[in-house]
C-alpha atoms as a PDB file:
ATOM      1  CA  MET A   1      -5.376  -9.799 -13.366  1.00  0.00           C
ATOM      2  CA  ALA A   2      -5.506  -7.626 -16.487  1.00  0.00           C
ATOM      3  CA  ALA A   3      -4.634  -4.505 -14.604  1.00  0.00           C
ATOM      4  CA  ASN A   4      -1.475  -6.098 -13.206  1.00  0.00           C
ATOM      5  CA  LYS A   5      -0.478  -7.368 -16.592  1.00  0.00           C
ATOM      6  CA  ARG A   6      -0.972  -3.900 -18.139  1.00  0.00           C
ATOM      7  CA  MET A   7       1.223  -2.272 -15.473  1.00  0.00           C
ATOM      8  CA  ASP A   8       3.820  -5.001 -15.851  1.00  0.00           C
ATOM      9  CA  GLU A   9       3.989  -4.191 -19.602  1.00  0.00           C
ATOM     10  CA  TRP A  10       4.203  -0.422 -18.891  1.00  0.00           C
ATOM     11  CA  LEU A  11       7.034  -1.034 -16.497  1.00  0.00           C
ATOM     12  CA  GLY A  12       8.735  -3.412 -18.981  1.00  0.00           C
ATOM     13  CA  ILE A  13       8.741  -6.476 -16.731  1.00  0.00           C
ATOM     14  CA  ASP A  14       6.946  -9.818 -16.267  1.00  0.00           C
ATOM     15  CA  THR A  15       6.087 -10.695 -12.669  1.00  0.00           C
ATOM     16  CA  SER A  16       3.099 -12.872 -13.332  1.00  0.00           C
ATOM     17  CA  TYR A  17       4.867 -16.054 -12.306  1.00  0.00           C
ATOM     18  CA  VAL A  18       3.668 -18.111  -9.435  1.00  0.00           C
ATOM     19  CA  LEU A  19       6.617 -20.400  -8.450  1.00  0.00           C
ATOM     20  CA  GLU A  20       6.481 -23.387  -6.206  1.00  0.00           C
ATOM     21  CA  SER A  21       9.458 -25.494  -7.308  1.00  0.00           C
ATOM     22  CA  HIS A  22      11.531 -24.549  -4.279  1.00  0.00           C
ATOM     23  CA  LEU A  23       8.787 -25.985  -1.997  1.00  0.00           C
ATOM     24  CA  LYS A  24       9.503 -29.398  -3.282  1.00  0.00           C
ATOM     25  CA  GLN A  25      12.890 -29.220  -1.466  1.00  0.00           C
ATOM     26  CA  GLY A  26      11.319 -29.690   1.914  1.00  0.00           C
ATOM     27  CA  LYS A  27      11.305 -26.038   2.883  1.00  0.00           C
ATOM     28  CA  TRP A  28       7.723 -26.078   4.275  1.00  0.00           C
ATOM     29  CA  TYR A  29       8.260 -22.824   6.158  1.00  0.00           C
ATOM     30  CA  TYR A  30       8.497 -20.851   2.956  1.00  0.00           C
ATOM     31  CA  ASN A  31       5.561 -19.739   0.846  1.00  0.00           C
ATOM     32  CA  ARG A  32       5.208 -19.839  -2.892  1.00  0.00           C
ATOM     33  CA  THR A  33       6.499 -16.986  -4.926  1.00  0.00           C
ATOM     34  CA  GLU A  34       3.875 -14.560  -6.167  1.00  0.00           C
ATOM     35  CA  SER A  35       3.562 -10.785  -6.633  1.00  0.00           C
ATOM     36  CA  THR A  36       1.649  -8.167  -4.715  1.00  0.00           C
ATOM     37  CA  ASP A  37      -1.209  -6.559  -6.733  1.00  0.00           C
ATOM     38  CA  TYR A  38      -0.384  -3.114  -7.938  1.00  0.00           C
ATOM     39  CA  LYS A  39      -3.547  -1.723  -6.388  1.00  0.00           C
ATOM     40  CA  VAL A  40      -2.249  -2.930  -2.983  1.00  0.00           C
ATOM     41  CA  LEU A  41       1.056  -1.317  -3.561  1.00  0.00           C
ATOM     42  CA  ASP A  42      -0.818   1.969  -4.490  1.00  0.00           C
ATOM     43  CA  CYS A  43      -2.775   1.865  -1.219  1.00  0.00           C
ATOM     44  CA  LEU A  44       0.453   1.427   0.660  1.00  0.00           C
ATOM     45  CA  PHE A  45       2.445   4.109  -1.145  1.00  0.00           C
ATOM     46  CA  ASP A  46      -0.388   6.546  -0.577  1.00  0.00           C
ATOM     47  CA  ARG A  47      -0.055   6.165   3.154  1.00  0.00           C
ATOM     48  CA  LEU A  48       3.566   5.289   3.673  1.00  0.00           C
ATOM     49  CA  LYS A  49       5.801   7.827   5.454  1.00  0.00           C
ATOM     50  CA  TRP A  50       9.121   7.921   3.740  1.00  0.00           C
ATOM     51  CA  THR A  51      12.057  10.182   2.878  1.00  0.00           C
ATOM     52  CA  LYS A  52      14.553  10.130  -0.031  1.00  0.00           C
ATOM     53  CA  ASP A  53      17.132   8.597   2.349  1.00  0.00           C
ATOM     54  CA  ASP A  54      15.130   5.584   3.098  1.00  0.00           C
ATOM     55  CA  VAL A  55      16.142   2.198   1.719  1.00  0.00           C
ATOM     56  CA  LEU A  56      13.321  -0.331   1.164  1.00  0.00           C
ATOM     57  CA  VAL A  57      14.157  -4.073   1.615  1.00  0.00           C
ATOM     58  CA  ASP A  58      11.639  -6.498   0.035  1.00  0.00           C
ATOM     59  CA  VAL A  59      12.005  -9.566   2.249  1.00  0.00           C
ATOM     60  CA  GLY A  60      11.271 -12.484  -0.038  1.00  0.00           C
ATOM     61  CA  ALA A  61      11.416 -10.321  -3.098  1.00  0.00           C
ATOM     62  CA  GLY A  62      10.231 -12.794  -5.762  1.00  0.00           C
ATOM     63  CA  THR A  63      10.415 -11.658  -9.316  1.00  0.00           C
ATOM     64  CA  GLY A  64      10.919  -7.987  -8.521  1.00  0.00           C
ATOM     65  CA  ARG A  65       7.514  -6.163  -8.881  1.00  0.00           C
ATOM     66  CA  VAL A  66       7.735  -4.371  -5.519  1.00  0.00           C
ATOM     67  CA  LEU A  67      11.325  -3.350  -6.148  1.00  0.00           C
ATOM     68  CA  CYS A  68      10.689  -1.880  -9.591  1.00  0.00           C
ATOM     69  CA  TYR A  69       7.497  -0.151  -8.687  1.00  0.00           C
ATOM     70  CA  SER A  70       8.985   1.228  -5.382  1.00  0.00           C
ATOM     71  CA  ALA A  71      11.951   2.623  -7.210  1.00  0.00           C
ATOM     72  CA  LEU A  72       9.811   4.374  -9.708  1.00  0.00           C
ATOM     73  CA  ARG A  73       7.009   5.710  -7.390  1.00  0.00           C
ATOM     74  CA  LEU A  74       9.077   6.494  -4.266  1.00  0.00           C
ATOM     75  CA  GLY A  75      12.440   7.386  -5.884  1.00  0.00           C
ATOM     76  CA  ILE A  76      14.382   5.581  -3.149  1.00  0.00           C
ATOM     77  CA  ALA A  77      16.913   2.819  -3.213  1.00  0.00           C
ATOM     78  CA  VAL A  78      15.514  -0.652  -3.087  1.00  0.00           C
ATOM     79  CA  LYS A  79      16.895  -4.141  -2.481  1.00  0.00           C
ATOM     80  CA  GLY A  80      15.477  -7.582  -2.397  1.00  0.00           C
ATOM     81  CA  ILE A  81      16.239 -10.822  -0.463  1.00  0.00           C
ATOM     82  CA  GLU A  82      15.343 -14.004  -2.277  1.00  0.00           C
ATOM     83  CA  TYR A  83      16.946 -17.513  -1.976  1.00  0.00           C
ATOM     84  CA  ALA A  84      15.462 -19.348  -4.965  1.00  0.00           C
ATOM     85  CA  GLU A  85      17.859 -19.280  -7.784  1.00  0.00           C
ATOM     86  CA  GLU A  86      15.364 -19.434 -10.655  1.00  0.00           C
ATOM     87  CA  VAL A  87      13.385 -16.635  -9.003  1.00  0.00           C
ATOM     88  CA  VAL A  88      16.448 -14.373  -8.607  1.00  0.00           C
ATOM     89  CA  ARG A  89      17.355 -14.932 -12.259  1.00  0.00           C
ATOM     90  CA  ILE A  90      13.856 -13.817 -13.389  1.00  0.00           C
ATOM     91  CA  ALA A  91      14.089 -10.766 -11.183  1.00  0.00           C
ATOM     92  CA  ARG A  92      17.452  -9.688 -12.505  1.00  0.00           C
ATOM     93  CA  ASP A  93      16.119 -10.000 -16.058  1.00  0.00           C
ATOM     94  CA  ASN A  94      13.212  -7.869 -15.031  1.00  0.00           C
ATOM     95  CA  PHE A  95      15.583  -5.227 -13.505  1.00  0.00           C
ATOM     96  CA  ASP A  96      17.553  -5.017 -16.708  1.00  0.00           C
ATOM     97  CA  SER A  97      14.394  -4.558 -18.810  1.00  0.00           C
ATOM     98  CA  PHE A  98      12.854  -2.031 -16.318  1.00  0.00           C
ATOM     99  CA  MET A  99      16.048   0.045 -16.164  1.00  0.00           C
ATOM    100  CA  LYS A 100      16.349   0.283 -20.005  1.00  0.00           C
ATOM    101  CA  LYS A 101      12.832   1.558 -20.204  1.00  0.00           C
ATOM    102  CA  HIS A 102      12.627   3.920 -17.089  1.00  0.00           C
ATOM    103  CA  LYS A 103      16.169   4.736 -16.142  1.00  0.00           C
ATOM    104  CA  VAL A 104      15.437   5.467 -12.487  1.00  0.00           C
ATOM    105  CA  PRO A 105      18.369   7.132 -10.673  1.00  0.00           C
ATOM    106  CA  THR A 106      18.195   4.938  -7.567  1.00  0.00           C
ATOM    107  CA  PRO A 107      19.886   1.525  -7.268  1.00  0.00           C
ATOM    108  CA  ILE A 108      17.934  -1.668  -7.574  1.00  0.00           C
ATOM    109  CA  CYS A 109      19.544  -5.001  -6.495  1.00  0.00           C
ATOM    110  CA  ILE A 110      18.518  -8.539  -5.291  1.00  0.00           C
ATOM    111  CA  ILE A 111      20.496 -10.688  -2.978  1.00  0.00           C
ATOM    112  CA  GLN A 112      20.327 -14.423  -3.306  1.00  0.00           C
ATOM    113  CA  LYS A 113      20.263 -15.509   0.354  1.00  0.00           C
ATOM    114  CA  LYS A 114      17.941 -16.977   2.933  1.00  0.00           C
ATOM    115  CA  ILE A 115      16.321 -14.142   4.898  1.00  0.00           C
ATOM    116  CA  GLU A 116      17.643 -15.409   8.290  1.00  0.00           C
ATOM    117  CA  GLN A 117      21.128 -15.150   6.786  1.00  0.00           C
ATOM    118  CA  TYR A 118      20.813 -11.542   5.646  1.00  0.00           C
ATOM    119  CA  ALA A 119      22.899  -8.962   7.623  1.00  0.00           C
ATOM    120  CA  ILE A 120      20.858  -5.901   8.277  1.00  0.00           C
ATOM    121  CA  LEU A 121      22.757  -2.788   7.066  1.00  0.00           C
ATOM    122  CA  PRO A 122      22.661   0.642   8.723  1.00  0.00           C
ATOM    123  CA  GLU A 123      20.941   2.180   5.688  1.00  0.00           C
ATOM    124  CA  ASP A 124      18.102  -0.364   5.702  1.00  0.00           C
ATOM    125  CA  THR A 125      14.986   1.425   6.949  1.00  0.00           C
ATOM    126  CA  ILE A 126      11.777  -0.141   5.436  1.00  0.00           C
ATOM    127  CA  PHE A 127      11.174  -3.895   5.276  1.00  0.00           C
ATOM    128  CA  TYR A 128       8.255  -5.190   3.276  1.00  0.00           C
ATOM    129  CA  PHE A 129       6.727  -8.634   3.708  1.00  0.00           C
ATOM    130  CA  PHE A 130       3.981 -10.081   1.479  1.00  0.00           C
ATOM    131  CA  ASN A 131       2.219 -13.200   2.713  1.00  0.00           C
ATOM    132  CA  PRO A 132       5.042 -13.531   5.246  1.00  0.00           C
ATOM    133  CA  PHE A 133       6.988 -16.611   5.988  1.00  0.00           C
ATOM    134  CA  THR A 134       6.100 -18.506   9.185  1.00  0.00           C
ATOM    135  CA  VAL A 135       7.051 -16.841  12.503  1.00  0.00           C
ATOM    136  CA  ILE A 136       9.860 -19.361  12.563  1.00  0.00           C
ATOM    137  CA  LEU A 137      11.706 -17.254   9.989  1.00  0.00           C
ATOM    138  CA  VAL A 138      10.242 -13.787  10.756  1.00  0.00           C
ATOM    139  CA  ARG A 139      11.402 -13.934  14.433  1.00  0.00           C
ATOM    140  CA  PRO A 140      15.163 -14.186  13.912  1.00  0.00           C
ATOM    141  CA  PHE A 141      14.946 -11.629  11.082  1.00  0.00           C
ATOM    142  CA  ILE A 142      13.137  -9.098  13.257  1.00  0.00           C
ATOM    143  CA  PHE A 143      15.500  -9.661  16.171  1.00  0.00           C
ATOM    144  CA  ASN A 144      18.339  -8.838  13.748  1.00  0.00           C
ATOM    145  CA  VAL A 145      16.531  -5.677  12.785  1.00  0.00           C
ATOM    146  CA  MET A 146      16.177  -4.656  16.380  1.00  0.00           C
ATOM    147  CA  GLU A 147      19.811  -5.328  17.053  1.00  0.00           C
ATOM    148  CA  SER A 148      20.684  -3.108  14.049  1.00  0.00           C
ATOM    149  CA  PHE A 149      18.494  -0.396  15.509  1.00  0.00           C
ATOM    150  CA  GLU A 150      20.418  -0.628  18.772  1.00  0.00           C
ATOM    151  CA  GLN A 151      23.673  -0.201  17.017  1.00  0.00           C
ATOM    152  CA  TYR A 152      22.462   2.429  14.485  1.00  0.00           C
ATOM    153  CA  PRO A 153      19.317   4.224  15.764  1.00  0.00           C
ATOM    154  CA  ARG A 154      17.026   5.332  12.979  1.00  0.00           C
ATOM    155  CA  ARG A 155      13.343   5.074  12.145  1.00  0.00           C
ATOM    156  CA  ILE A 156      12.653   1.653  10.966  1.00  0.00           C
ATOM    157  CA  GLN A 157       9.323   0.473   9.438  1.00  0.00           C
ATOM    158  CA  CYS A 158       8.187  -3.131   8.888  1.00  0.00           C
ATOM    159  CA  ILE A 159       5.271  -3.564   6.493  1.00  0.00           C
ATOM    160  CA  PHE A 160       3.186  -6.720   6.350  1.00  0.00           C
ATOM    161  CA  TYR A 161       0.664  -7.267   3.599  1.00  0.00           C
ATOM    162  CA  TYR A 162      -1.755 -10.299   4.032  1.00  0.00           C
ATOM    163  CA  PRO A 163      -0.160 -10.995   7.478  1.00  0.00           C
ATOM    164  CA  ASP A 164      -0.185 -14.239   9.362  1.00  0.00           C
ATOM    165  CA  THR A 165      -1.880 -13.835  12.807  1.00  0.00           C
ATOM    166  CA  GLU A 166       1.148 -15.454  14.586  1.00  0.00           C
ATOM    167  CA  VAL A 167       3.478 -12.949  13.086  1.00  0.00           C
ATOM    168  CA  LEU A 168       1.277 -10.039  14.129  1.00  0.00           C
ATOM    169  CA  SER A 169       1.087 -11.401  17.620  1.00  0.00           C
ATOM    170  CA  PHE A 170       4.857 -11.747  17.687  1.00  0.00           C
ATOM    171  CA  MET A 171       5.371  -8.200  16.491  1.00  0.00           C
ATOM    172  CA  GLN A 172       2.891  -6.756  18.951  1.00  0.00           C
ATOM    173  CA  TYR A 173       3.828  -8.632  22.131  1.00  0.00           C
ATOM    174  CA  HIS A 174       7.455  -9.865  21.711  1.00  0.00           C
ATOM    175  CA  THR A 175       9.284  -6.869  20.000  1.00  0.00           C
ATOM    176  CA  HIS A 176       9.888  -3.217  20.637  1.00  0.00           C
ATOM    177  CA  PHE A 177       8.013  -2.307  17.474  1.00  0.00           C
ATOM    178  CA  GLU A 178       4.871  -0.086  17.742  1.00  0.00           C
ATOM    179  CA  LEU A 179       1.763  -0.660  15.523  1.00  0.00           C
ATOM    180  CA  THR A 180       1.313   2.630  13.697  1.00  0.00           C
ATOM    181  CA  GLN A 181      -1.006   1.942  10.724  1.00  0.00           C
ATOM    182  CA  GLU A 182      -3.657  -0.787   9.676  1.00  0.00           C
ATOM    183  CA  ILE A 183      -4.865  -0.233   6.203  1.00  0.00           C
ATOM    184  CA  LEU A 184      -7.969  -2.322   5.434  1.00  0.00           C
ATOM    185  CA  LEU A 185      -8.333  -3.279   1.762  1.00  0.00           C
ATOM    186  CA  ASP A 186     -11.416  -3.665  -0.279  1.00  0.00           C
ATOM    187  CA  GLU A 187     -11.609  -7.463   0.185  1.00  0.00           C
ATOM    188  CA  TYR A 188     -11.186  -7.212   3.987  1.00  0.00           C
ATOM    189  CA  CYS A 189     -14.898  -8.050   4.640  1.00  0.00           C
ATOM    190  CA  GLN A 190     -14.428 -11.418   2.825  1.00  0.00           C
ATOM    191  CA  ASP A 191     -10.935 -12.110   4.102  1.00  0.00           C
ATOM    192  CA  THR A 192      -9.597 -10.443   7.330  1.00  0.00           C
ATOM    193  CA  ARG A 193      -5.987 -10.937   6.158  1.00  0.00           C
ATOM    194  CA  GLU A 194      -6.638  -8.506   3.279  1.00  0.00           C
ATOM    195  CA  LYS A 195      -4.832  -5.555   5.019  1.00  0.00           C
ATOM    196  CA  ILE A 196      -1.561  -3.825   5.339  1.00  0.00           C
ATOM    197  CA  VAL A 197      -0.085  -3.481   8.837  1.00  0.00           C
ATOM    198  CA  ILE A 198       2.864  -1.141   9.562  1.00  0.00           C
ATOM    199  CA  PHE A 199       5.040  -1.342  12.664  1.00  0.00           C
ATOM    200  CA  GLU A 200       7.713   1.175  13.537  1.00  0.00           C
ATOM    201  CA  LEU A 201      10.850   1.585  15.676  1.00  0.00           C
ATOM    202  CA  LYS A 202      11.538   5.210  16.376  1.00  0.00           C
ATOM    203  CA  THR A 203      14.406   7.231  17.803  1.00  0.00           C
ATOM    204  CA  SER A 204      13.631   9.958  20.333  1.00  0.00           C
ATOM    205  CA  GLY A 205      13.889  12.467  17.527  1.00  0.00           C
ATOM    206  CA  ASN A 206      11.086  10.751  15.448  1.00  0.00           C
ATOM    207  CA  HIS A 207       7.512  11.919  15.865  1.00  0.00           C
END
């Protein structure tokens, strides 16, 4: 889309890639790499509850669009998890270009790792999934998030854009997360997956 390209140019990045080469390695439970539209991110950021102490983790970060735009719009630390080496290389080039142009004060990083191997850190509080992996991969990741919550209680949000129905069912019926927001996007009438769904884990002090 032209609007996405213009925003990429303003940010100083190129996230137009749709990469599928890693799928040829037999990893059928992963989806291709593509970026969330900026208009979707704007809808999310207009509704998201966040503080300066939150850390956003893009699960399956791709080429870094969400990370750069989140760092700029929200002003919080961001990190991505991405296992495909060629994708990580593009993301890091984008970060370098973005930081030279905008110099945001918050850190941006990407970790080359399978999501199920990522160790949830106490500071990780917002997890973003676009066109999420199959429930086979989401399940162990979310269980790790819940274990981290038990060890380090804090408000945790999991955001799903264009969510898989099996993943939503798992989140609602097999976790301690509470469904707190469902944001229907313009194309929802044509495609019921065109929505953003936010789940939360809250401590007793959160309201």
